[in-house]
Amino acid sequence: MVRRSHVLAAALGASQIAYGLEAPRPPWMTRGIVALLLTTSTADAIEQRGARGAAVVAAAGSVGFGAELLGVHTGRPFGSYGYSEQLGPQIHEVPLLAGAAWGLLARPSRVAGDWASRALPGERSPLGQRATRVLAAATALTAWDVFLDPRMVREGYWHWPEGGWYEGIPWTNYAGWWATGVVAFGAAELIDPHDDPAAPPAASAPSAIGDERSGDTALGLYAWTWIGELIANVLLWKRPKVAVAGGLSMAAIALPALARRVLAARA
């Protein structure tokens, strides 16, 4: 049976293709893509993990939004930056959709990080496994921002008044993303420590087809985001530097994650 998250993922893919082809892209379209990706990711989290899945998404969004409030008003942990009004309603100069940006790839990054870190050599204690997943998930989420930030700065959603080494963005932005991700995914481990993307789908979900695992939709969302951003930056937006930097950053997580998922299917 087809799940709700699968229908939403198909709609998301079509919408993102239309978004990539549109030039210039109006703010309402960007806000719609953010909302649809958040809805799709949250639907999958709930289908697979129930209330705990929703709580992980909410925790990531809350931690991220709190970090954005701190960042806008103190310059820490990301550096000195500010938002325009293009993302919609704000609280203390931070758009509500900024929190959504932290939540929308929360479970996809956690699942991709889990798969990518599974084949590390040596025996690991449960605590070591959980710590490794936190670090890998934070890296996966930060890798996506290598694509995201240059586009949003270029289109006027936020700005870095002092500039920076990468597309006008300082290195502190990515250090701040990673540190915030560690806190967010550390909270996720407390909320749902037993989330295993290699397990069969939850009993409450519709019957699986073939060798489907509970993390497959989330991993697919991460891989689709990587491939879609790469193609768009190369072919549509003509941003080769961003394509190389973002493509390699997300590939460092996506490729080993996908390879280990394939190996698991063959085992």
C-alpha atoms as a PDB file:
ATOM      1  CA  MET A   1       0.000   0.000   0.000  1.00  0.00           C
ATOM      2  CA  VAL A   2       1.081   3.563  -0.695  1.00  0.00           C
ATOM      3  CA  ARG A   3       1.694   5.643   2.400  1.00  0.00           C
ATOM      4  CA  ARG A   4       0.784   9.289   2.868  1.00  0.00           C
ATOM      5  CA  SER A   5       4.461  10.196   3.032  1.00  0.00           C
ATOM      6  CA  HIS A   6       4.992   8.592  -0.386  1.00  0.00           C
ATOM      7  CA  VAL A   7       2.243  10.721  -1.939  1.00  0.00           C
ATOM      8  CA  LEU A   8       3.666  13.823  -0.300  1.00  0.00           C
ATOM      9  CA  ALA A   9       7.169  12.925  -1.488  1.00  0.00           C
ATOM     10  CA  ALA A  10       5.918  12.646  -5.081  1.00  0.00           C
ATOM     11  CA  ALA A  11       4.217  16.049  -4.799  1.00  0.00           C
ATOM     12  CA  LEU A  12       7.366  17.478  -3.259  1.00  0.00           C
ATOM     13  CA  GLY A  13       9.534  16.209  -6.101  1.00  0.00           C
ATOM     14  CA  ALA A  14       7.260  17.729  -8.737  1.00  0.00           C
ATOM     15  CA  SER A  15       7.086  21.021  -6.832  1.00  0.00           C
ATOM     16  CA  GLN A  16      10.859  21.219  -6.451  1.00  0.00           C
ATOM     17  CA  ILE A  17      11.360  20.660 -10.177  1.00  0.00           C
ATOM     18  CA  ALA A  18       8.954  23.506 -10.907  1.00  0.00           C
ATOM     19  CA  TYR A  19      10.734  25.627  -8.296  1.00  0.00           C
ATOM     20  CA  GLY A  20      14.108  25.017  -9.910  1.00  0.00           C
ATOM     21  CA  LEU A  21      12.811  26.014 -13.341  1.00  0.00           C
ATOM     22  CA  GLU A  22      11.173  29.213 -12.104  1.00  0.00           C
ATOM     23  CA  ALA A  23      13.251  32.386 -12.431  1.00  0.00           C
ATOM     24  CA  PRO A  24      13.048  34.554 -10.483  1.00  0.00           C
ATOM     25  CA  ARG A  25      11.484  32.535  -7.667  1.00  0.00           C
ATOM     26  CA  PRO A  26       8.923  34.507  -5.631  1.00  0.00           C
ATOM     27  CA  PRO A  27       9.097  34.233  -1.813  1.00  0.00           C
ATOM     28  CA  TRP A  28       5.714  32.473  -1.607  1.00  0.00           C
ATOM     29  CA  MET A  29       7.131  29.625  -3.661  1.00  0.00           C
ATOM     30  CA  THR A  30      10.133  29.238  -1.353  1.00  0.00           C
ATOM     31  CA  ARG A  31       7.866  29.265   1.684  1.00  0.00           C
ATOM     32  CA  GLY A  32       5.659  26.631   0.057  1.00  0.00           C
ATOM     33  CA  ILE A  33       8.596  24.326  -0.663  1.00  0.00           C
ATOM     34  CA  VAL A  34       9.782  24.627   2.949  1.00  0.00           C
ATOM     35  CA  ALA A  35       6.291  23.810   4.245  1.00  0.00           C
ATOM     36  CA  LEU A  36       5.855  20.835   1.900  1.00  0.00           C
ATOM     37  CA  LEU A  37       9.248  19.349   2.728  1.00  0.00           C
ATOM     38  CA  LEU A  38       8.557  19.754   6.455  1.00  0.00           C
ATOM     39  CA  THR A  39       5.131  18.120   6.037  1.00  0.00           C
ATOM     40  CA  THR A  40       6.574  15.200   4.056  1.00  0.00           C
ATOM     41  CA  SER A  41       9.413  14.573   6.474  1.00  0.00           C
ATOM     42  CA  THR A  42       7.129  14.849   9.508  1.00  0.00           C
ATOM     43  CA  ALA A  43       4.547  12.493   7.964  1.00  0.00           C
ATOM     44  CA  ASP A  44       7.240   9.864   7.446  1.00  0.00           C
ATOM     45  CA  ALA A  45       8.557  10.345  10.996  1.00  0.00           C
ATOM     46  CA  ILE A  46       5.069   9.854  12.432  1.00  0.00           C
ATOM     47  CA  GLU A  47       4.337   6.824  10.229  1.00  0.00           C
ATOM     48  CA  GLN A  48       7.525   5.123  11.346  1.00  0.00           C
ATOM     49  CA  ARG A  49       8.036   6.351  14.912  1.00  0.00           C
ATOM     50  CA  GLY A  50       4.675   7.728  16.036  1.00  0.00           C
ATOM     51  CA  ALA A  51       4.709  10.511  18.607  1.00  0.00           C
ATOM     52  CA  ARG A  52       8.439  10.091  19.172  1.00  0.00           C
ATOM     53  CA  GLY A  53       9.089  10.782  15.506  1.00  0.00           C
ATOM     54  CA  ALA A  54       7.073  13.981  15.651  1.00  0.00           C
ATOM     55  CA  ALA A  55       8.886  14.963  18.849  1.00  0.00           C
ATOM     56  CA  VAL A  56      12.290  14.548  17.166  1.00  0.00           C
ATOM     57  CA  VAL A  57      11.231  16.909  14.366  1.00  0.00           C
ATOM     58  CA  ALA A  58       9.832  19.396  16.876  1.00  0.00           C
ATOM     59  CA  ALA A  59      12.977  19.222  19.023  1.00  0.00           C
ATOM     60  CA  ALA A  60      15.241  19.889  16.040  1.00  0.00           C
ATOM     61  CA  GLY A  61      13.080  22.835  14.991  1.00  0.00           C
ATOM     62  CA  SER A  62      13.001  24.238  18.522  1.00  0.00           C
ATOM     63  CA  VAL A  63      16.740  23.888  19.100  1.00  0.00           C
ATOM     64  CA  GLY A  64      17.441  25.437  15.702  1.00  0.00           C
ATOM     65  CA  PHE A  65      15.040  28.318  16.264  1.00  0.00           C
ATOM     66  CA  GLY A  66      16.591  29.004  19.659  1.00  0.00           C
ATOM     67  CA  ALA A  67      20.050  29.038  18.071  1.00  0.00           C
ATOM     68  CA  GLU A  68      18.771  31.463  15.404  1.00  0.00           C
ATOM     69  CA  LEU A  69      17.416  33.825  18.068  1.00  0.00           C
ATOM     70  CA  LEU A  70      20.766  33.744  19.823  1.00  0.00           C
ATOM     71  CA  GLY A  71      22.643  34.117  16.543  1.00  0.00           C
ATOM     72  CA  VAL A  72      20.721  37.120  15.225  1.00  0.00           C
ATOM     73  CA  HIS A  73      21.102  39.052  18.478  1.00  0.00           C
ATOM     74  CA  THR A  74      24.621  38.027  19.580  1.00  0.00           C
ATOM     75  CA  GLY A  75      26.442  36.768  16.472  1.00  0.00           C
ATOM     76  CA  ARG A  76      26.940  33.375  18.132  1.00  0.00           C
ATOM     77  CA  PRO A  77      27.216  30.579  17.123  1.00  0.00           C
ATOM     78  CA  PHE A  78      26.907  31.409  13.409  1.00  0.00           C
ATOM     79  CA  GLY A  79      28.451  34.852  13.060  1.00  0.00           C
ATOM     80  CA  SER A  80      26.873  38.239  12.394  1.00  0.00           C
ATOM     81  CA  TYR A  81      23.825  38.016  10.107  1.00  0.00           C
ATOM     82  CA  GLY A  82      20.237  39.140   9.758  1.00  0.00           C
ATOM     83  CA  TYR A  83      16.976  38.133   8.066  1.00  0.00           C
ATOM     84  CA  SER A  84      14.868  40.047   5.588  1.00  0.00           C
ATOM     85  CA  GLU A  85      11.059  39.815   5.739  1.00  0.00           C
ATOM     86  CA  GLN A  86      10.776  37.430   2.787  1.00  0.00           C
ATOM     87  CA  LEU A  87      10.305  34.283   4.891  1.00  0.00           C
ATOM     88  CA  GLY A  88       7.159  35.624   6.526  1.00  0.00           C
ATOM     89  CA  PRO A  89       6.164  36.199  10.180  1.00  0.00           C
ATOM     90  CA  GLN A  90       8.977  36.704  12.665  1.00  0.00           C
ATOM     91  CA  ILE A  91       9.577  36.491  16.387  1.00  0.00           C
ATOM     92  CA  HIS A  92      12.305  38.851  17.603  1.00  0.00           C
ATOM     93  CA  GLU A  93      13.646  39.266  14.050  1.00  0.00           C
ATOM     94  CA  VAL A  94      13.775  35.525  13.305  1.00  0.00           C
ATOM     95  CA  PRO A  95      11.237  34.039  10.844  1.00  0.00           C
ATOM     96  CA  LEU A  96       9.152  31.145  12.116  1.00  0.00           C
ATOM     97  CA  LEU A  97      10.176  29.263   8.976  1.00  0.00           C
ATOM     98  CA  ALA A  98      13.780  29.349  10.206  1.00  0.00           C
ATOM     99  CA  GLY A  99      12.763  26.739  12.776  1.00  0.00           C
ATOM    100  CA  ALA A 100      11.094  24.713  10.031  1.00  0.00           C
ATOM    101  CA  ALA A 101      14.392  24.651   8.127  1.00  0.00           C
ATOM    102  CA  TRP A 102      16.013  22.867  11.058  1.00  0.00           C
ATOM    103  CA  GLY A 103      13.175  20.370  11.414  1.00  0.00           C
ATOM    104  CA  LEU A 104      12.497  19.465   7.797  1.00  0.00           C
ATOM    105  CA  LEU A 105      15.629  17.369   7.289  1.00  0.00           C
ATOM    106  CA  ALA A 106      15.939  16.228  10.897  1.00  0.00           C
ATOM    107  CA  ARG A 107      14.980  12.576  10.450  1.00  0.00           C
ATOM    108  CA  PRO A 108      16.449  12.288   6.925  1.00  0.00           C
ATOM    109  CA  SER A 109      19.788  13.549   8.285  1.00  0.00           C
ATOM    110  CA  ARG A 110      19.561  11.235  11.290  1.00  0.00           C
ATOM    111  CA  VAL A 111      18.774   8.214   9.120  1.00  0.00           C
ATOM    112  CA  ALA A 112      21.483   9.063   6.575  1.00  0.00           C
ATOM    113  CA  GLY A 113      23.983   9.618   9.377  1.00  0.00           C
ATOM    114  CA  ASP A 114      23.028   6.287  10.954  1.00  0.00           C
ATOM    115  CA  TRP A 115      23.539   4.341   7.733  1.00  0.00           C
ATOM    116  CA  ALA A 116      26.748   6.217   6.869  1.00  0.00           C
ATOM    117  CA  SER A 117      28.329   5.452  10.238  1.00  0.00           C
ATOM    118  CA  ARG A 118      27.337   1.791  10.500  1.00  0.00           C
ATOM    119  CA  ALA A 119      30.408   0.293   8.857  1.00  0.00           C
ATOM    120  CA  LEU A 120      33.005   1.987  11.028  1.00  0.00           C
ATOM    121  CA  PRO A 121      35.564  -0.638  12.134  1.00  0.00           C
ATOM    122  CA  GLY A 122      35.668  -2.078  15.620  1.00  0.00           C
ATOM    123  CA  GLU A 123      33.047  -2.908  18.189  1.00  0.00           C
ATOM    124  CA  ARG A 124      31.192   0.036  19.663  1.00  0.00           C
ATOM    125  CA  SER A 125      29.243   0.257  22.857  1.00  0.00           C
ATOM    126  CA  PRO A 126      25.616   1.435  22.636  1.00  0.00           C
ATOM    127  CA  LEU A 127      26.763   4.820  23.934  1.00  0.00           C
ATOM    128  CA  GLY A 128      29.453   4.932  21.249  1.00  0.00           C
ATOM    129  CA  GLN A 129      26.935   4.046  18.573  1.00  0.00           C
ATOM    130  CA  ARG A 130      24.600   6.787  19.708  1.00  0.00           C
ATOM    131  CA  ALA A 131      27.380   9.372  19.933  1.00  0.00           C
ATOM    132  CA  THR A 132      28.590   8.465  16.449  1.00  0.00           C
ATOM    133  CA  ARG A 133      25.066   8.806  15.059  1.00  0.00           C
ATOM    134  CA  VAL A 134      24.699  12.251  16.645  1.00  0.00           C
ATOM    135  CA  LEU A 135      27.946  13.473  15.080  1.00  0.00           C
ATOM    136  CA  ALA A 136      27.149  11.942  11.684  1.00  0.00           C
ATOM    137  CA  ALA A 137      23.614  13.372  11.678  1.00  0.00           C
ATOM    138  CA  ALA A 138      24.921  16.847  12.548  1.00  0.00           C
ATOM    139  CA  THR A 139      27.412  16.534   9.693  1.00  0.00           C
ATOM    140  CA  ALA A 140      24.648  15.433   7.300  1.00  0.00           C
ATOM    141  CA  LEU A 141      22.473  18.434   8.161  1.00  0.00           C
ATOM    142  CA  THR A 142      25.382  20.881   7.927  1.00  0.00           C
ATOM    143  CA  ALA A 143      26.321  19.480   4.511  1.00  0.00           C
ATOM    144  CA  TRP A 144      22.894  20.473   3.207  1.00  0.00           C
ATOM    145  CA  ASP A 145      23.476  24.066   4.309  1.00  0.00           C
ATOM    146  CA  VAL A 146      26.479  24.228   1.962  1.00  0.00           C
ATOM    147  CA  PHE A 147      23.821  24.238  -0.770  1.00  0.00           C
ATOM    148  CA  LEU A 148      21.149  26.195   1.085  1.00  0.00           C
ATOM    149  CA  ASP A 149      22.912  29.254   2.452  1.00  0.00           C
ATOM    150  CA  PRO A 150      24.428  30.606  -0.803  1.00  0.00           C
ATOM    151  CA  ARG A 151      21.070  30.452  -2.589  1.00  0.00           C
ATOM    152  CA  MET A 152      19.137  32.099   0.211  1.00  0.00           C
ATOM    153  CA  VAL A 153      21.728  34.854   0.571  1.00  0.00           C
ATOM    154  CA  ARG A 154      21.750  35.439  -3.185  1.00  0.00           C
ATOM    155  CA  GLU A 155      17.947  35.731  -3.222  1.00  0.00           C
ATOM    156  CA  GLY A 156      17.831  38.107  -0.263  1.00  0.00           C
ATOM    157  CA  TYR A 157      16.343  35.956   2.507  1.00  0.00           C
ATOM    158  CA  TRP A 158      19.213  36.736   4.870  1.00  0.00           C
ATOM    159  CA  HIS A 159      22.546  38.524   4.689  1.00  0.00           C
ATOM    160  CA  TRP A 160      26.040  38.494   6.168  1.00  0.00           C
ATOM    161  CA  PRO A 161      27.116  42.159   6.487  1.00  0.00           C
ATOM    162  CA  GLU A 162      30.782  41.265   7.010  1.00  0.00           C
ATOM    163  CA  GLY A 163      30.868  38.735   4.157  1.00  0.00           C
ATOM    164  CA  GLY A 164      32.869  35.521   4.252  1.00  0.00           C
ATOM    165  CA  TRP A 165      35.178  33.129   2.431  1.00  0.00           C
ATOM    166  CA  TYR A 166      32.492  31.000   0.752  1.00  0.00           C
ATOM    167  CA  GLU A 167      29.942  32.819  -1.399  1.00  0.00           C
ATOM    168  CA  GLY A 168      30.040  35.688   1.072  1.00  0.00           C
ATOM    169  CA  ILE A 169      29.368  33.370   4.033  1.00  0.00           C
ATOM    170  CA  PRO A 170      31.818  33.003   6.963  1.00  0.00           C
ATOM    171  CA  TRP A 171      33.148  29.641   8.123  1.00  0.00           C
ATOM    172  CA  THR A 172      31.556  30.279  11.525  1.00  0.00           C
ATOM    173  CA  ASN A 173      28.146  29.668   9.951  1.00  0.00           C
ATOM    174  CA  TYR A 174      28.991  26.046   9.271  1.00  0.00           C
ATOM    175  CA  ALA A 175      30.666  25.540  12.627  1.00  0.00           C
ATOM    176  CA  GLY A 176      27.497  26.937  14.216  1.00  0.00           C
ATOM    177  CA  TRP A 177      25.278  24.667  12.137  1.00  0.00           C
ATOM    178  CA  TRP A 178      27.279  21.631  13.178  1.00  0.00           C
ATOM    179  CA  ALA A 179      27.302  22.574  16.868  1.00  0.00           C
ATOM    180  CA  THR A 180      23.562  23.273  16.808  1.00  0.00           C
ATOM    181  CA  GLY A 181      23.014  19.965  15.015  1.00  0.00           C
ATOM    182  CA  VAL A 182      24.922  18.121  17.737  1.00  0.00           C
ATOM    183  CA  VAL A 183      22.595  19.598  20.363  1.00  0.00           C
ATOM    184  CA  ALA A 184      19.477  18.863  18.280  1.00  0.00           C
ATOM    185  CA  PHE A 185      20.425  15.264  17.533  1.00  0.00           C
ATOM    186  CA  GLY A 186      21.602  14.745  21.079  1.00  0.00           C
ATOM    187  CA  ALA A 187      18.061  15.658  22.108  1.00  0.00           C
ATOM    188  CA  ALA A 188      16.763  13.231  19.472  1.00  0.00           C
ATOM    189  CA  GLU A 189      18.722  10.413  21.107  1.00  0.00           C
ATOM    190  CA  LEU A 190      17.056  11.179  24.420  1.00  0.00           C
ATOM    191  CA  ILE A 191      13.609  11.295  22.808  1.00  0.00           C
ATOM    192  CA  ASP A 192      13.886   8.232  20.556  1.00  0.00           C
ATOM    193  CA  PRO A 193      17.084   6.249  21.172  1.00  0.00           C
ATOM    194  CA  HIS A 194      15.738   3.072  19.539  1.00  0.00           C
ATOM    195  CA  ASP A 195      14.977   4.495  16.097  1.00  0.00           C
ATOM    196  CA  ASP A 196      16.595   1.947  13.766  1.00  0.00           C
ATOM    197  CA  PRO A 197      16.324   2.756  10.028  1.00  0.00           C
ATOM    198  CA  ALA A 198      17.334  -0.802   9.173  1.00  0.00           C
ATOM    199  CA  ALA A 199      14.358  -2.301  11.023  1.00  0.00           C
ATOM    200  CA  PRO A 200      11.138  -3.373   9.289  1.00  0.00           C
ATOM    201  CA  PRO A 201       8.466  -0.656   9.067  1.00  0.00           C
ATOM    202  CA  ALA A 202       6.418  -0.024  12.182  1.00  0.00           C
ATOM    203  CA  ALA A 203       3.600  -2.460  12.805  1.00  0.00           C
ATOM    204  CA  SER A 204       1.095   0.368  12.524  1.00  0.00           C
ATOM    205  CA  ALA A 205       2.299   1.276   9.028  1.00  0.00           C
ATOM    206  CA  PRO A 206       0.891  -0.315   5.850  1.00  0.00           C
ATOM    207  CA  SER A 207       2.513  -3.544   4.713  1.00  0.00           C
ATOM    208  CA  ALA A 208       6.006  -3.114   3.315  1.00  0.00           C
ATOM    209  CA  ILE A 209       6.803  -4.009  -0.256  1.00  0.00           C
ATOM    210  CA  GLY A 210       9.958  -6.010  -0.923  1.00  0.00           C
ATOM    211  CA  ASP A 211      12.893  -5.214   1.349  1.00  0.00           C
ATOM    212  CA  GLU A 212      11.659  -1.863   2.605  1.00  0.00           C
ATOM    213  CA  ARG A 213      13.099  -0.646   5.900  1.00  0.00           C
ATOM    214  CA  SER A 214      11.708   1.962   8.267  1.00  0.00           C
ATOM    215  CA  GLY A 215      14.247   4.594   7.252  1.00  0.00           C
ATOM    216  CA  ASP A 216      13.928   4.226   3.482  1.00  0.00           C
ATOM    217  CA  THR A 217      11.673   7.221   2.828  1.00  0.00           C
ATOM    218  CA  ALA A 218      13.843   9.458   5.000  1.00  0.00           C
ATOM    219  CA  LEU A 219      17.014   8.238   3.295  1.00  0.00           C
ATOM    220  CA  GLY A 220      15.338   8.813  -0.062  1.00  0.00           C
ATOM    221  CA  LEU A 221      14.515  12.397   0.928  1.00  0.00           C
ATOM    222  CA  TYR A 222      18.133  13.023   1.856  1.00  0.00           C
ATOM    223  CA  ALA A 223      19.442  11.497  -1.386  1.00  0.00           C
ATOM    224  CA  TRP A 224      16.854  13.360  -3.474  1.00  0.00           C
ATOM    225  CA  THR A 225      17.824  16.653  -1.815  1.00  0.00           C
ATOM    226  CA  TRP A 226      21.486  15.996  -2.621  1.00  0.00           C
ATOM    227  CA  ILE A 227      20.885  15.042  -6.248  1.00  0.00           C
ATOM    228  CA  GLY A 228      18.282  17.746  -6.847  1.00  0.00           C
ATOM    229  CA  GLU A 229      20.444  20.535  -5.446  1.00  0.00           C
ATOM    230  CA  LEU A 230      23.444  19.299  -7.438  1.00  0.00           C
ATOM    231  CA  ILE A 231      21.580  19.175 -10.748  1.00  0.00           C
ATOM    232  CA  ALA A 232      19.890  22.532 -10.169  1.00  0.00           C
ATOM    233  CA  ASN A 233      23.163  24.296  -9.367  1.00  0.00           C
ATOM    234  CA  VAL A 234      24.930  22.789 -12.381  1.00  0.00           C
ATOM    235  CA  LEU A 235      22.263  22.988 -15.069  1.00  0.00           C
ATOM    236  CA  LEU A 236      19.728  25.611 -14.006  1.00  0.00           C
ATOM    237  CA  TRP A 237      21.355  28.125 -11.696  1.00  0.00           C
ATOM    238  CA  LYS A 238      24.889  27.962 -13.151  1.00  0.00           C
ATOM    239  CA  ARG A 239      26.606  27.948  -9.753  1.00  0.00           C
ATOM    240  CA  PRO A 240      29.550  25.566 -10.275  1.00  0.00           C
ATOM    241  CA  LYS A 241      31.314  26.476  -7.018  1.00  0.00           C
ATOM    242  CA  VAL A 242      28.199  25.733  -4.982  1.00  0.00           C
ATOM    243  CA  ALA A 243      27.576  22.561  -6.985  1.00  0.00           C
ATOM    244  CA  VAL A 244      31.057  21.234  -6.214  1.00  0.00           C
ATOM    245  CA  ALA A 245      31.117  22.279  -2.556  1.00  0.00           C
ATOM    246  CA  GLY A 246      27.581  21.184  -1.744  1.00  0.00           C
ATOM    247  CA  GLY A 247      27.730  18.076  -3.908  1.00  0.00           C
ATOM    248  CA  LEU A 248      30.879  16.791  -2.247  1.00  0.00           C
ATOM    249  CA  SER A 249      29.659  17.716   1.248  1.00  0.00           C
ATOM    250  CA  MET A 250      26.375  15.832   0.970  1.00  0.00           C
ATOM    251  CA  ALA A 251      28.010  12.978  -0.965  1.00  0.00           C
ATOM    252  CA  ALA A 252      30.272  12.312   2.023  1.00  0.00           C
ATOM    253  CA  ILE A 253      27.146  11.153   3.886  1.00  0.00           C
ATOM    254  CA  ALA A 254      24.755  10.141   1.094  1.00  0.00           C
ATOM    255  CA  LEU A 255      27.071   7.788  -0.813  1.00  0.00           C
ATOM    256  CA  PRO A 256      28.172   5.607   2.123  1.00  0.00           C
ATOM    257  CA  ALA A 257      24.625   5.634   3.486  1.00  0.00           C
ATOM    258  CA  LEU A 258      23.159   4.427   0.190  1.00  0.00           C
ATOM    259  CA  ALA A 259      25.936   1.862  -0.273  1.00  0.00           C
ATOM    260  CA  ARG A 260      25.336   0.354   3.155  1.00  0.00           C
ATOM    261  CA  ARG A 261      21.597   0.299   2.562  1.00  0.00           C
ATOM    262  CA  VAL A 262      22.180  -1.665  -0.651  1.00  0.00           C
ATOM    263  CA  LEU A 263      24.535  -4.057   1.118  1.00  0.00           C
ATOM    264  CA  ALA A 264      21.941  -4.603   3.827  1.00  0.00           C
ATOM    265  CA  ALA A 265      19.367  -5.511   1.185  1.00  0.00           C
ATOM    266  CA  ARG A 266      21.715  -8.124  -0.253  1.00  0.00           C
ATOM    267  CA  ALA A 267      22.658  -9.626   3.093  1.00  0.00           C
END
